C-alpha atoms as a PDB file:
ATOM      1  CA  MET A   1       0.000   0.000   0.000  1.00  0.00           C
ATOM      2  CA  ARG A   2       2.834   2.377   0.875  1.00  0.00           C
ATOM      3  CA  LYS A   3       4.608   1.760  -2.448  1.00  0.00           C
ATOM      4  CA  THR A   4       1.377   2.198  -4.372  1.00  0.00           C
ATOM      5  CA  PHE A   5       0.695   5.494  -2.631  1.00  0.00           C
ATOM      6  CA  GLY A   6       4.220   6.699  -3.422  1.00  0.00           C
ATOM      7  CA  TYR A   7       3.960   5.718  -7.062  1.00  0.00           C
ATOM      8  CA  HIS A   8       0.640   7.480  -7.626  1.00  0.00           C
ATOM      9  CA  TYR A   9       1.608  10.519  -5.547  1.00  0.00           C
ATOM     10  CA  PHE A  10       4.752  11.017  -7.646  1.00  0.00           C
ATOM     11  CA  GLN A  11       2.913  10.462 -10.953  1.00  0.00           C
ATOM     12  CA  GLN A  12       0.382  13.147 -10.049  1.00  0.00           C
ATOM     13  CA  THR A  13       2.626  15.722  -8.359  1.00  0.00           C
ATOM     14  CA  HIS A  14       6.217  14.977  -9.505  1.00  0.00           C
ATOM     15  CA  ASP A  15       7.200  16.224  -6.043  1.00  0.00           C
ATOM     16  CA  ILE A  16       9.982  13.876  -5.025  1.00  0.00           C
ATOM     17  CA  VAL A  17      11.105  16.072  -2.123  1.00  0.00           C
ATOM     18  CA  THR A  18       7.778  15.880  -0.284  1.00  0.00           C
ATOM     19  CA  LEU A  19       7.556  12.170  -1.002  1.00  0.00           C
ATOM     20  CA  MET A  20      11.059  11.742   0.386  1.00  0.00           C
ATOM     21  CA  VAL A  21       9.945  13.436   3.620  1.00  0.00           C
ATOM     22  CA  ILE A  22       6.778  11.316   3.799  1.00  0.00           C
ATOM     23  CA  PHE A  23       8.847   8.116   3.444  1.00  0.00           C
ATOM     24  CA  ASN A  24      11.684   9.433   5.626  1.00  0.00           C
ATOM     25  CA  HIS A  25      14.227   8.735   2.860  1.00  0.00           C
ATOM     26  CA  SER A  26      17.403  10.702   2.314  1.00  0.00           C
ATOM     27  CA  PRO A  27      18.907  11.030  -1.125  1.00  0.00           C
ATOM     28  CA  PRO A  28      15.639  11.281  -3.076  1.00  0.00           C
ATOM     29  CA  GLN A  29      17.066  10.336  -6.460  1.00  0.00           C
ATOM     30  CA  ASN A  30      18.384   6.996  -5.289  1.00  0.00           C
ATOM     31  CA  ILE A  31      16.130   5.573  -2.623  1.00  0.00           C
ATOM     32  CA  THR A  32      12.639   7.000  -3.137  1.00  0.00           C
ATOM     33  CA  LYS A  33      12.418   6.687  -6.925  1.00  0.00           C
ATOM     34  CA  CYS A  34      13.786   3.174  -6.793  1.00  0.00           C
ATOM     35  CA  TYR A  35      11.403   2.255  -3.956  1.00  0.00           C
ATOM     36  CA  ILE A  36       8.289   3.338  -5.833  1.00  0.00           C
ATOM     37  CA  GLY A  37       9.476   1.853  -9.144  1.00  0.00           C
ATOM     38  CA  ILE A  38       9.812   5.083 -11.123  1.00  0.00           C
ATOM     39  CA  GLU A  39      13.172   4.113 -12.606  1.00  0.00           C
ATOM     40  CA  GLU A  40      11.781   0.800 -13.853  1.00  0.00           C
ATOM     41  CA  ASP A  41       8.851   2.575 -15.519  1.00  0.00           C
ATOM     42  CA  ALA A  42      11.149   5.123 -17.153  1.00  0.00           C
ATOM     43  CA  ILE A  43      13.313   2.339 -18.594  1.00  0.00           C
ATOM     44  CA  LYS A  44      10.294   0.414 -19.873  1.00  0.00           C
ATOM     45  CA  ASN A  45       8.838   3.550 -21.483  1.00  0.00           C
ATOM     46  CA  SER A  46      12.127   4.470 -23.142  1.00  0.00           C
ATOM     47  CA  LEU A  47      12.450   0.989 -24.644  1.00  0.00           C
ATOM     48  CA  LYS A  48       8.801   0.696 -25.672  1.00  0.00           C
ATOM     49  CA  ASP A  49       9.226   2.206 -29.156  1.00  0.00           C
ATOM     50  CA  PHE A  50      12.936   1.484 -29.613  1.00  0.00           C
ATOM     51  CA  ARG A  51      13.810  -0.312 -32.847  1.00  0.00           C
ATOM     52  CA  LEU A  52      17.096  -1.265 -34.483  1.00  0.00           C
END
């Protein structure tokens, strides 16, 4: 439930700093985005239309 909240909160607000405070995480780029799966989604989206 906590991860789901974080994912949807970030998708709607793009406010990683507030989310970091809510989760009590300190470097926001590493821990919080990884925790809520944002990096995985970004990779999947970037590869979605990639063709050789």
